[in-house]
Amino acid sequence: MSVESLFQALEARLASRPARDVDLPGFVLREASVLVPLFERDGVPHMLFTRRPATIRTHANQYSYPGGGRDAEDLTPLHTALRETEEELGIDRSGVRVLGMLDEVPTISQYRIRPFVGVIPGDGKYVPSPEEVAFILEVPLVNLLDPAILRIEKKEVLGAQRDLYFYTYDSHVIWGATARILRDFLTQVAQVPGVEAMLGGAR
């Protein structure tokens, strides 16, 4: 399986299952969207994360996907994800190939995040916004699928006991809403026929 075949199979997988909406009675959640950026480099599929600056007001120093709250001019949640990706990383929205949507994720700051999976150029030519991006992390997909990097804790969040996920890649720890989105994404990838053989060859 080539990387392009993987992207096509993932697109078909996401199209075959409707993304679940957040259902939290009693909570009024604000709208937000993120892009889960994939790319190919040297025949290997990767995922991109950004680390937020220490000076930012919320979620300082945390790893995230490019995205943010929906602005009045955003026609759809997807417009939000693509606009934020362009603002944060300098990736032209016309150069993003959207594969589909993952399940909505609520946050303790009372947002509902709609995650869109998209393929970005693999040339690494980013123009990061210093106000929003302190560091860009590129991770081969095979490393994210390694169960050894995942740790799970339980905690009460928004009135219910929930699993908290922590993915540790080298010295980088991905947690919070980003880790929940990543967990959903990796679950979908695991359902793609032939993915283990393809990624095994990429180690």
N, C-alpha and C. Protein backbone atom coordinates (compact mmCIF):
# COMPACT_ATOMS: atom_id res chain seq x y z
N MET A 1 0.85 -1.20 0.00
CA MET A 1 0.00 0.00 0.00
C MET A 1 0.88 1.24 0.00
N SER A 2 0.64 2.15 -0.93
CA SER A 2 1.36 3.41 -0.97
C SER A 2 0.74 4.39 0.02
N VAL A 3 1.45 5.49 0.26
CA VAL A 3 0.89 6.51 1.15
C VAL A 3 -0.38 7.10 0.53
N GLU A 4 -0.39 7.30 -0.79
CA GLU A 4 -1.59 7.81 -1.44
C GLU A 4 -2.75 6.84 -1.27
N SER A 5 -2.48 5.53 -1.36
CA SER A 5 -3.53 4.53 -1.15
C SER A 5 -4.07 4.60 0.28
N LEU A 6 -3.16 4.84 1.23
CA LEU A 6 -3.57 4.99 2.62
C LEU A 6 -4.50 6.19 2.77
N PHE A 7 -4.13 7.31 2.18
CA PHE A 7 -4.96 8.51 2.28
C PHE A 7 -6.33 8.27 1.64
N GLN A 8 -6.35 7.58 0.50
CA GLN A 8 -7.63 7.29 -0.16
C GLN A 8 -8.49 6.37 0.69
N ALA A 9 -7.86 5.35 1.28
CA ALA A 9 -8.61 4.41 2.12
C ALA A 9 -9.14 5.10 3.37
N LEU A 10 -8.35 6.00 3.93
CA LEU A 10 -8.80 6.74 5.11
C LEU A 10 -9.95 7.66 4.74
N GLU A 11 -9.88 8.28 3.57
CA GLU A 11 -10.98 9.13 3.12
C GLU A 11 -12.27 8.32 2.98
N ALA A 12 -12.16 7.12 2.42
CA ALA A 12 -13.34 6.25 2.28
C ALA A 12 -13.86 5.82 3.65
N ARG A 13 -12.95 5.54 4.57
CA ARG A 13 -13.34 5.13 5.92
C ARG A 13 -14.11 6.25 6.62
N LEU A 14 -13.61 7.47 6.53
CA LEU A 14 -14.28 8.59 7.19
C LEU A 14 -15.63 8.89 6.55
N ALA A 15 -15.72 8.69 5.23
CA ALA A 15 -16.99 8.93 4.53
C ALA A 15 -18.04 7.89 4.88
N SER A 16 -17.61 6.72 5.32
CA SER A 16 -18.54 5.62 5.59
C SER A 16 -19.18 5.70 6.97
N ARG A 17 -18.68 6.60 7.83
CA ARG A 17 -19.20 6.68 9.19
C ARG A 17 -19.47 8.14 9.53
N PRO A 18 -20.69 8.46 9.94
CA PRO A 18 -20.96 9.85 10.31
C PRO A 18 -20.23 10.22 11.60
N ALA A 19 -19.63 11.39 11.62
CA ALA A 19 -18.96 11.86 12.83
C ALA A 19 -19.99 12.13 13.91
N ARG A 20 -19.69 11.73 15.13
CA ARG A 20 -20.63 11.91 16.24
C ARG A 20 -20.54 13.33 16.79
N ASP A 21 -21.71 13.90 17.08
CA ASP A 21 -21.77 15.21 17.71
C ASP A 21 -21.66 15.08 19.22
N VAL A 22 -21.20 16.12 19.86
CA VAL A 22 -21.14 16.16 21.32
C VAL A 22 -22.56 16.30 21.88
N ASP A 23 -22.87 15.50 22.90
CA ASP A 23 -24.17 15.59 23.56
C ASP A 23 -23.94 15.75 25.05
N LEU A 24 -23.96 17.00 25.51
CA LEU A 24 -23.74 17.30 26.92
C LEU A 24 -24.89 18.18 27.42
N PRO A 25 -26.00 17.57 27.84
CA PRO A 25 -27.14 18.36 28.31
C PRO A 25 -26.74 19.29 29.46
N GLY A 26 -27.20 20.53 29.36
CA GLY A 26 -26.90 21.50 30.41
C GLY A 26 -25.69 22.35 30.13
N PHE A 27 -24.92 22.00 29.12
CA PHE A 27 -23.73 22.77 28.77
C PHE A 27 -23.96 23.52 27.45
N VAL A 28 -23.58 24.78 27.41
CA VAL A 28 -23.60 25.55 26.17
C VAL A 28 -22.17 25.66 25.67
N LEU A 29 -21.88 24.97 24.58
CA LEU A 29 -20.51 24.87 24.09
C LEU A 29 -20.30 25.80 22.90
N ARG A 30 -19.17 26.50 22.91
CA ARG A 30 -18.82 27.38 21.80
C ARG A 30 -18.20 26.56 20.67
N GLU A 31 -18.29 27.10 19.47
CA GLU A 31 -17.86 26.38 18.27
C GLU A 31 -16.36 26.57 18.02
N ALA A 32 -15.68 25.49 17.70
CA ALA A 32 -14.27 25.53 17.31
C ALA A 32 -14.00 24.40 16.33
N SER A 33 -12.94 24.55 15.55
CA SER A 33 -12.54 23.52 14.58
C SER A 33 -11.02 23.44 14.53
N VAL A 34 -10.52 22.26 14.21
CA VAL A 34 -9.09 22.08 13.99
C VAL A 34 -8.88 21.27 12.73
N LEU A 35 -7.67 21.38 12.19
CA LEU A 35 -7.24 20.51 11.11
C LEU A 35 -6.25 19.51 11.68
N VAL A 36 -6.46 18.23 11.37
CA VAL A 36 -5.51 17.17 11.72
C VAL A 36 -4.63 16.96 10.49
N PRO A 37 -3.43 17.56 10.46
CA PRO A 37 -2.66 17.63 9.21
C PRO A 37 -1.79 16.39 8.99
N LEU A 38 -1.99 15.77 7.85
CA LEU A 38 -1.16 14.65 7.40
C LEU A 38 -0.34 15.11 6.20
N PHE A 39 0.81 14.46 6.03
CA PHE A 39 1.58 14.72 4.82
C PHE A 39 2.49 13.54 4.55
N GLU A 40 2.98 13.47 3.33
CA GLU A 40 3.93 12.43 2.92
C GLU A 40 5.29 13.05 2.70
N ARG A 41 6.30 12.40 3.24
CA ARG A 41 7.68 12.82 2.97
C ARG A 41 8.54 11.58 2.80
N ASP A 42 9.22 11.48 1.68
CA ASP A 42 10.09 10.33 1.38
C ASP A 42 9.34 9.01 1.50
N GLY A 43 8.08 9.02 1.06
CA GLY A 43 7.29 7.80 1.07
C GLY A 43 6.76 7.40 2.43
N VAL A 44 6.83 8.28 3.41
CA VAL A 44 6.40 7.97 4.78
C VAL A 44 5.30 8.95 5.20
N PRO A 45 4.14 8.44 5.69
CA PRO A 45 3.09 9.34 6.16
C PRO A 45 3.44 9.92 7.53
N HIS A 46 3.20 11.21 7.70
CA HIS A 46 3.47 11.92 8.94
C HIS A 46 2.23 12.66 9.40
N MET A 47 2.26 13.07 10.67
CA MET A 47 1.26 13.99 11.22
C MET A 47 1.98 15.17 11.83
N LEU A 48 1.34 16.34 11.76
CA LEU A 48 1.93 17.56 12.28
C LEU A 48 1.17 18.05 13.52
N PHE A 49 1.92 18.51 14.50
CA PHE A 49 1.37 19.17 15.69
C PHE A 49 2.10 20.51 15.86
N THR A 50 1.47 21.44 16.57
CA THR A 50 2.16 22.67 16.93
C THR A 50 2.20 22.78 18.46
N ARG A 51 3.22 23.41 18.96
CA ARG A 51 3.26 23.72 20.41
C ARG A 51 2.96 25.19 20.60
N ARG A 52 2.04 25.45 21.50
CA ARG A 52 1.62 26.83 21.73
C ARG A 52 2.68 27.56 22.55
N PRO A 53 2.83 28.86 22.35
CA PRO A 53 3.84 29.62 23.10
C PRO A 53 3.55 29.66 24.60
N ALA A 54 4.60 29.86 25.38
CA ALA A 54 4.44 29.96 26.83
C ALA A 54 3.68 31.22 27.23
N THR A 55 3.65 32.20 26.34
CA THR A 55 3.04 33.49 26.65
C THR A 55 1.56 33.55 26.31
N ILE A 56 1.02 32.50 25.69
CA ILE A 56 -0.37 32.56 25.24
C ILE A 56 -1.30 32.40 26.44
N ARG A 57 -2.50 32.94 26.34
CA ARG A 57 -3.40 33.04 27.50
C ARG A 57 -3.94 31.69 27.93
N THR A 58 -4.27 30.81 26.98
CA THR A 58 -4.83 29.51 27.33
C THR A 58 -3.99 28.39 26.72
N HIS A 59 -3.88 27.29 27.45
CA HIS A 59 -3.19 26.08 26.97
C HIS A 59 -1.73 26.36 26.58
N ALA A 60 -1.07 27.20 27.36
CA ALA A 60 0.32 27.53 27.07
C ALA A 60 1.20 26.29 27.08
N ASN A 61 2.14 26.22 26.13
CA ASN A 61 3.11 25.13 26.00
C ASN A 61 2.50 23.78 25.64
N GLN A 62 1.22 23.72 25.38
CA GLN A 62 0.60 22.45 25.02
C GLN A 62 0.69 22.21 23.51
N TYR A 63 0.75 20.92 23.15
CA TYR A 63 0.71 20.55 21.74
C TYR A 63 -0.73 20.53 21.27
N SER A 64 -0.92 20.98 20.04
CA SER A 64 -2.28 21.07 19.51
C SER A 64 -2.24 20.88 18.00
N TYR A 65 -3.42 20.84 17.42
CA TYR A 65 -3.57 20.92 15.97
C TYR A 65 -3.91 22.37 15.62
N PRO A 66 -3.56 22.82 14.42
CA PRO A 66 -3.95 24.18 14.05
C PRO A 66 -5.46 24.32 14.04
N GLY A 67 -5.95 25.39 14.66
CA GLY A 67 -7.39 25.59 14.73
C GLY A 67 -7.73 26.62 15.77
N GLY A 68 -9.03 26.80 15.99
CA GLY A 68 -9.47 27.78 16.96
C GLY A 68 -10.96 27.99 16.89
N GLY A 69 -11.44 29.03 17.57
CA GLY A 69 -12.86 29.34 17.63
C GLY A 69 -13.38 29.85 16.29
N ARG A 70 -14.66 29.59 16.07
CA ARG A 70 -15.29 30.00 14.82
C ARG A 70 -15.56 31.49 14.82
N ASP A 71 -15.13 32.18 13.78
CA ASP A 71 -15.38 33.60 13.61
C ASP A 71 -16.69 33.81 12.85
N ALA A 72 -17.23 35.01 12.98
CA ALA A 72 -18.51 35.31 12.34
C ALA A 72 -18.44 35.15 10.82
N GLU A 73 -17.27 35.41 10.23
CA GLU A 73 -17.16 35.33 8.77
C GLU A 73 -16.92 33.91 8.26
N ASP A 74 -16.71 32.96 9.17
CA ASP A 74 -16.51 31.57 8.74
C ASP A 74 -17.84 30.95 8.34
N LEU A 75 -17.97 30.57 7.09
CA LEU A 75 -19.25 30.05 6.59
C LEU A 75 -19.58 28.69 7.20
N THR A 76 -18.56 27.87 7.45
CA THR A 76 -18.76 26.52 7.99
C THR A 76 -17.64 26.22 8.98
N PRO A 77 -17.79 25.16 9.79
CA PRO A 77 -16.68 24.74 10.65
C PRO A 77 -15.41 24.44 9.87
N LEU A 78 -15.54 23.90 8.67
CA LEU A 78 -14.36 23.62 7.86
C LEU A 78 -13.64 24.90 7.49
N HIS A 79 -14.39 25.96 7.19
CA HIS A 79 -13.75 27.25 6.92
C HIS A 79 -12.89 27.68 8.11
N THR A 80 -13.38 27.45 9.31
CA THR A 80 -12.61 27.81 10.51
C THR A 80 -11.28 27.06 10.54
N ALA A 81 -11.34 25.75 10.34
CA ALA A 81 -10.12 24.93 10.40
C ALA A 81 -9.10 25.37 9.35
N LEU A 82 -9.56 25.63 8.13
CA LEU A 82 -8.64 26.00 7.06
C LEU A 82 -8.10 27.41 7.26
N ARG A 83 -8.94 28.32 7.73
CA ARG A 83 -8.47 29.69 7.99
C ARG A 83 -7.41 29.70 9.08
N GLU A 84 -7.67 28.97 10.16
CA GLU A 84 -6.72 28.93 11.27
C GLU A 84 -5.40 28.28 10.85
N THR A 85 -5.47 27.25 10.02
CA THR A 85 -4.26 26.59 9.54
C THR A 85 -3.42 27.55 8.71
N GLU A 86 -4.09 28.34 7.89
CA GLU A 86 -3.38 29.32 7.08
C GLU A 86 -2.76 30.40 7.96
N GLU A 87 -3.50 30.85 8.97
CA GLU A 87 -2.99 31.91 9.85
C GLU A 87 -1.84 31.42 10.71
N GLU A 88 -1.93 30.18 11.19
CA GLU A 88 -0.92 29.68 12.13
C GLU A 88 0.33 29.18 11.43
N LEU A 89 0.18 28.56 10.26
CA LEU A 89 1.31 27.88 9.62
C LEU A 89 1.66 28.42 8.24
N GLY A 90 0.84 29.34 7.71
CA GLY A 90 1.11 29.86 6.38
C GLY A 90 0.80 28.88 5.27
N ILE A 91 -0.02 27.86 5.54
CA ILE A 91 -0.39 26.88 4.53
C ILE A 91 -1.65 27.37 3.82
N ASP A 92 -1.55 27.65 2.53
CA ASP A 92 -2.70 28.15 1.78
C ASP A 92 -3.83 27.12 1.85
N ARG A 93 -5.02 27.62 2.17
CA ARG A 93 -6.17 26.71 2.34
C ARG A 93 -6.49 25.94 1.07
N SER A 94 -6.15 26.53 -0.09
CA SER A 94 -6.41 25.83 -1.35
C SER A 94 -5.49 24.64 -1.55
N GLY A 95 -4.40 24.57 -0.75
CA GLY A 95 -3.46 23.47 -0.86
C GLY A 95 -3.73 22.33 0.10
N VAL A 96 -4.87 22.40 0.83
CA VAL A 96 -5.23 21.34 1.78
C VAL A 96 -6.28 20.43 1.15
N ARG A 97 -6.00 19.15 1.15
CA ARG A 97 -6.95 18.15 0.64
C ARG A 97 -7.67 17.54 1.83
N VAL A 98 -8.92 17.85 1.99
CA VAL A 98 -9.69 17.40 3.15
C VAL A 98 -10.19 15.97 2.92
N LEU A 99 -9.87 15.08 3.86
CA LEU A 99 -10.25 13.68 3.74
C LEU A 99 -11.56 13.36 4.46
N GLY A 100 -11.91 14.14 5.47
CA GLY A 100 -13.14 13.85 6.20
C GLY A 100 -13.08 14.41 7.60
N MET A 101 -14.06 14.01 8.41
CA MET A 101 -14.22 14.58 9.74
C MET A 101 -14.22 13.47 10.79
N LEU A 102 -13.63 13.78 11.94
CA LEU A 102 -13.65 12.89 13.09
C LEU A 102 -14.76 13.32 14.05
N ASP A 103 -14.95 12.54 15.12
CA ASP A 103 -15.99 12.86 16.10
C ASP A 103 -15.69 14.19 16.79
N GLU A 104 -16.75 14.92 17.12
CA GLU A 104 -16.58 16.14 17.90
C GLU A 104 -16.01 15.82 19.27
N VAL A 105 -15.26 16.76 19.81
CA VAL A 105 -14.63 16.60 21.12
C VAL A 105 -14.97 17.82 21.98
N PRO A 106 -15.49 17.62 23.20
CA PRO A 106 -15.71 18.75 24.10
C PRO A 106 -14.44 19.06 24.89
N THR A 107 -14.31 20.29 25.32
CA THR A 107 -13.15 20.68 26.14
C THR A 107 -13.63 21.23 27.47
N ILE A 108 -12.72 21.24 28.46
CA ILE A 108 -13.08 21.76 29.77
C ILE A 108 -13.29 23.27 29.72
N SER A 109 -12.79 23.92 28.67
CA SER A 109 -13.04 25.35 28.48
C SER A 109 -14.37 25.59 27.75
N GLN A 110 -15.15 24.51 27.60
CA GLN A 110 -16.51 24.54 27.06
C GLN A 110 -16.56 24.96 25.59
N TYR A 111 -15.69 24.31 24.82
CA TYR A 111 -15.77 24.36 23.37
C TYR A 111 -16.18 23.00 22.85
N ARG A 112 -16.79 22.98 21.70
CA ARG A 112 -17.00 21.74 20.94
C ARG A 112 -16.08 21.83 19.73
N ILE A 113 -15.14 20.93 19.65
CA ILE A 113 -14.16 20.97 18.56
C ILE A 113 -14.58 20.00 17.46
N ARG A 114 -14.63 20.53 16.25
CA ARG A 114 -14.88 19.67 15.09
C ARG A 114 -13.54 19.46 14.38
N PRO A 115 -13.03 18.22 14.39
CA PRO A 115 -11.72 17.95 13.77
C PRO A 115 -11.88 17.47 12.32
N PHE A 116 -11.15 18.10 11.43
CA PHE A 116 -11.12 17.71 10.03
C PHE A 116 -9.74 17.16 9.70
N VAL A 117 -9.71 16.01 9.04
CA VAL A 117 -8.45 15.40 8.63
C VAL A 117 -8.11 15.92 7.24
N GLY A 118 -6.89 16.42 7.07
CA GLY A 118 -6.51 16.95 5.77
C GLY A 118 -5.06 16.65 5.44
N VAL A 119 -4.78 16.56 4.15
CA VAL A 119 -3.42 16.34 3.66
C VAL A 119 -2.84 17.68 3.24
N ILE A 120 -1.68 18.02 3.80
CA ILE A 120 -1.00 19.27 3.48
C ILE A 120 0.25 18.96 2.66
N PRO A 121 0.84 19.96 2.01
CA PRO A 121 2.09 19.72 1.28
C PRO A 121 3.19 19.20 2.22
N GLY A 122 4.00 18.29 1.72
CA GLY A 122 5.04 17.68 2.54
C GLY A 122 6.40 18.34 2.42
N ASP A 123 6.43 19.57 1.90
CA ASP A 123 7.71 20.22 1.67
C ASP A 123 8.27 20.91 2.91
N GLY A 124 7.48 20.98 3.98
CA GLY A 124 7.96 21.58 5.21
C GLY A 124 8.14 23.08 5.16
N LYS A 125 7.55 23.73 4.16
CA LYS A 125 7.70 25.18 4.00
C LYS A 125 6.60 25.91 4.78
N TYR A 126 6.78 25.97 6.08
CA TYR A 126 5.80 26.62 6.95
C TYR A 126 6.22 28.07 7.19
N VAL A 127 5.21 28.89 7.45
CA VAL A 127 5.46 30.26 7.89
C VAL A 127 4.68 30.43 9.20
N PRO A 128 5.25 29.93 10.31
CA PRO A 128 4.50 29.91 11.57
C PRO A 128 4.28 31.31 12.14
N SER A 129 3.11 31.50 12.73
CA SER A 129 2.81 32.75 13.43
C SER A 129 3.46 32.71 14.80
N PRO A 130 4.36 33.63 15.12
CA PRO A 130 5.04 33.58 16.42
C PRO A 130 4.09 33.79 17.59
N GLU A 131 2.95 34.43 17.35
CA GLU A 131 1.97 34.64 18.42
C GLU A 131 1.23 33.35 18.79
N GLU A 132 1.20 32.38 17.85
CA GLU A 132 0.40 31.18 18.07
C GLU A 132 1.19 29.88 18.04
N VAL A 133 2.39 29.90 17.47
CA VAL A 133 3.17 28.67 17.29
C VAL A 133 4.60 28.88 17.78
N ALA A 134 4.99 28.08 18.78
CA ALA A 134 6.36 28.15 19.28
C ALA A 134 7.24 27.07 18.66
N PHE A 135 6.62 25.96 18.23
CA PHE A 135 7.41 24.83 17.74
C PHE A 135 6.50 23.97 16.87
N ILE A 136 7.05 23.42 15.78
CA ILE A 136 6.31 22.52 14.90
C ILE A 136 6.88 21.12 15.06
N LEU A 137 6.01 20.17 15.37
CA LEU A 137 6.41 18.78 15.59
C LEU A 137 5.85 17.91 14.47
N GLU A 138 6.75 17.22 13.77
CA GLU A 138 6.36 16.29 12.72
C GLU A 138 6.67 14.87 13.21
N VAL A 139 5.66 14.01 13.17
CA VAL A 139 5.81 12.65 13.70
C VAL A 139 5.40 11.63 12.65
N PRO A 140 6.26 10.65 12.33
CA PRO A 140 5.83 9.57 11.44
C PRO A 140 4.63 8.85 12.03
N LEU A 141 3.67 8.54 11.19
CA LEU A 141 2.43 7.92 11.66
C LEU A 141 2.68 6.60 12.38
N VAL A 142 3.67 5.86 11.92
CA VAL A 142 3.95 4.56 12.55
C VAL A 142 4.33 4.72 14.01
N ASN A 143 5.00 5.81 14.37
CA ASN A 143 5.37 6.04 15.76
C ASN A 143 4.16 6.32 16.64
N LEU A 144 3.17 6.99 16.08
CA LEU A 144 1.96 7.29 16.84
C LEU A 144 1.13 6.04 17.09
N LEU A 145 1.26 5.06 16.21
CA LEU A 145 0.51 3.81 16.36
C LEU A 145 1.18 2.83 17.32
N ASP A 146 2.36 3.15 17.80
CA ASP A 146 3.07 2.29 18.74
C ASP A 146 2.37 2.36 20.10
N PRO A 147 1.78 1.26 20.59
CA PRO A 147 1.05 1.32 21.86
C PRO A 147 1.93 1.69 23.05
N ALA A 148 3.23 1.55 22.91
CA ALA A 148 4.13 1.84 24.03
C ALA A 148 4.17 3.33 24.37
N ILE A 149 3.75 4.21 23.45
CA ILE A 149 3.84 5.64 23.72
C ILE A 149 2.57 6.17 24.41
N LEU A 150 1.56 5.32 24.58
CA LEU A 150 0.27 5.76 25.13
C LEU A 150 0.14 5.42 26.60
N ARG A 151 -0.28 6.41 27.40
CA ARG A 151 -0.64 6.20 28.80
C ARG A 151 -2.04 6.74 29.01
N ILE A 152 -2.86 6.01 29.81
CA ILE A 152 -4.26 6.38 30.03
C ILE A 152 -4.50 6.58 31.52
N GLU A 153 -5.11 7.69 31.88
CA GLU A 153 -5.53 7.96 33.25
C GLU A 153 -7.03 8.24 33.25
N LYS A 154 -7.65 8.13 34.41
CA LYS A 154 -9.08 8.45 34.54
C LYS A 154 -9.25 9.69 35.40
N LYS A 155 -10.20 10.55 34.99
CA LYS A 155 -10.45 11.78 35.73
C LYS A 155 -11.88 12.23 35.46
N GLU A 156 -12.47 12.92 36.43
CA GLU A 156 -13.81 13.46 36.21
C GLU A 156 -13.69 14.75 35.40
N VAL A 157 -14.35 14.76 34.25
CA VAL A 157 -14.33 15.91 33.35
C VAL A 157 -15.76 16.19 32.91
N LEU A 158 -16.20 17.43 33.07
CA LEU A 158 -17.54 17.85 32.67
C LEU A 158 -18.60 16.91 33.23
N GLY A 159 -18.43 16.55 34.49
CA GLY A 159 -19.46 15.80 35.19
C GLY A 159 -19.45 14.31 34.98
N ALA A 160 -18.43 13.76 34.34
CA ALA A 160 -18.38 12.31 34.11
C ALA A 160 -16.94 11.81 34.18
N GLN A 161 -16.76 10.53 34.56
CA GLN A 161 -15.45 9.92 34.54
C GLN A 161 -15.02 9.66 33.10
N ARG A 162 -13.86 10.14 32.74
CA ARG A 162 -13.40 9.99 31.36
C ARG A 162 -11.94 9.54 31.34
N ASP A 163 -11.58 8.88 30.24
CA ASP A 163 -10.19 8.50 30.03
C ASP A 163 -9.41 9.70 29.53
N LEU A 164 -8.24 9.92 30.12
CA LEU A 164 -7.32 10.94 29.63
C LEU A 164 -6.14 10.25 28.97
N TYR A 165 -5.80 10.69 27.77
CA TYR A 165 -4.75 10.05 26.99
C TYR A 165 -3.50 10.92 26.96
N PHE A 166 -2.35 10.25 27.08
CA PHE A 166 -1.05 10.94 27.02
C PHE A 166 -0.17 10.17 26.04
N TYR A 167 0.21 10.81 24.94
CA TYR A 167 1.10 10.21 23.96
C TYR A 167 2.47 10.88 24.10
N THR A 168 3.51 10.08 24.35
CA THR A 168 4.85 10.62 24.54
C THR A 168 5.74 10.18 23.38
N TYR A 169 6.16 11.15 22.59
CA TYR A 169 7.06 10.92 21.46
C TYR A 169 8.35 11.65 21.75
N ASP A 170 9.45 10.89 21.95
CA ASP A 170 10.70 11.47 22.44
C ASP A 170 10.39 12.25 23.73
N SER A 171 10.66 13.54 23.77
CA SER A 171 10.38 14.32 24.97
C SER A 171 9.06 15.09 24.88
N HIS A 172 8.31 14.84 23.82
CA HIS A 172 7.09 15.60 23.56
C HIS A 172 5.87 14.83 24.08
N VAL A 173 5.05 15.48 24.89
CA VAL A 173 3.85 14.84 25.45
C VAL A 173 2.61 15.51 24.88
N ILE A 174 1.80 14.72 24.21
CA ILE A 174 0.55 15.20 23.60
C ILE A 174 -0.60 14.72 24.48
N TRP A 175 -1.42 15.64 24.98
CA TRP A 175 -2.49 15.26 25.89
C TRP A 175 -3.68 16.20 25.68
N GLY A 176 -4.70 16.08 26.54
CA GLY A 176 -5.87 16.95 26.44
C GLY A 176 -6.73 16.61 25.23
N ALA A 177 -7.42 17.64 24.72
CA ALA A 177 -8.32 17.44 23.59
C ALA A 177 -7.57 16.93 22.36
N THR A 178 -6.33 17.38 22.17
CA THR A 178 -5.54 16.93 21.02
C THR A 178 -5.32 15.43 21.08
N ALA A 179 -5.04 14.90 22.26
CA ALA A 179 -4.83 13.46 22.40
C ALA A 179 -6.13 12.69 22.16
N ARG A 180 -7.27 13.25 22.55
CA ARG A 180 -8.54 12.56 22.31
C ARG A 180 -8.84 12.52 20.81
N ILE A 181 -8.54 13.60 20.12
CA ILE A 181 -8.72 13.62 18.67
C ILE A 181 -7.77 12.61 18.02
N LEU A 182 -6.52 12.60 18.48
CA LEU A 182 -5.53 11.66 17.95
C LEU A 182 -5.98 10.22 18.17
N ARG A 183 -6.53 9.94 19.34
CA ARG A 183 -7.02 8.59 19.65
C ARG A 183 -8.09 8.15 18.65
N ASP A 184 -9.03 9.04 18.35
CA ASP A 184 -10.08 8.74 17.38
C ASP A 184 -9.48 8.52 16.00
N PHE A 185 -8.54 9.38 15.62
CA PHE A 185 -7.91 9.23 14.31
C PHE A 185 -7.20 7.89 14.18
N LEU A 186 -6.41 7.52 15.19
CA LEU A 186 -5.66 6.27 15.12
C LEU A 186 -6.60 5.06 15.10
N THR A 187 -7.75 5.17 15.76
CA THR A 187 -8.75 4.10 15.70
C THR A 187 -9.24 3.90 14.27
N GLN A 188 -9.46 5.01 13.56
CA GLN A 188 -9.91 4.93 12.17
C GLN A 188 -8.81 4.37 11.28
N VAL A 189 -7.58 4.79 11.49
CA VAL A 189 -6.47 4.29 10.68
C VAL A 189 -6.32 2.78 10.85
N ALA A 190 -6.49 2.30 12.07
CA ALA A 190 -6.34 0.87 12.35
C ALA A 190 -7.37 0.03 11.60
N GLN A 191 -8.48 0.64 11.17
CA GLN A 191 -9.52 -0.08 10.44
C GLN A 191 -9.26 -0.16 8.94
N VAL A 192 -8.22 0.51 8.47
CA VAL A 192 -7.91 0.49 7.04
C VAL A 192 -7.21 -0.82 6.69
N PRO A 193 -7.76 -1.62 5.78
CA PRO A 193 -7.14 -2.89 5.41
C PRO A 193 -5.72 -2.68 4.86
N GLY A 194 -4.79 -3.48 5.36
CA GLY A 194 -3.42 -3.44 4.87
C GLY A 194 -2.55 -2.37 5.48
N VAL A 195 -3.09 -1.60 6.43
CA VAL A 195 -2.31 -0.48 6.96
C VAL A 195 -1.12 -0.96 7.78
N GLU A 196 -1.27 -2.08 8.48
CA GLU A 196 -0.16 -2.57 9.32
C GLU A 196 1.03 -2.95 8.45
N ALA A 197 0.80 -3.62 7.34
CA ALA A 197 1.88 -4.01 6.46
C ALA A 197 2.55 -2.78 5.85
N MET A 198 1.73 -1.79 5.50
CA MET A 198 2.26 -0.59 4.87
C MET A 198 3.13 0.19 5.84
N LEU A 199 2.63 0.39 7.06
CA LEU A 199 3.38 1.15 8.04
C LEU A 199 4.55 0.35 8.61
N GLY A 200 4.40 -0.95 8.67
CA GLY A 200 5.52 -1.78 9.11
C GLY A 200 6.72 -1.63 8.21
N GLY A 201 6.45 -1.42 6.92
CA GLY A 201 7.55 -1.22 5.99
C GLY A 201 8.16 0.16 6.08
N ALA A 202 7.44 1.07 6.79
CA ALA A 202 7.96 2.43 6.92
C ALA A 202 8.78 2.63 8.17
N ARG A 203 8.90 1.64 9.03
CA ARG A 203 9.65 1.80 10.28
C ARG A 203 11.13 2.06 9.99
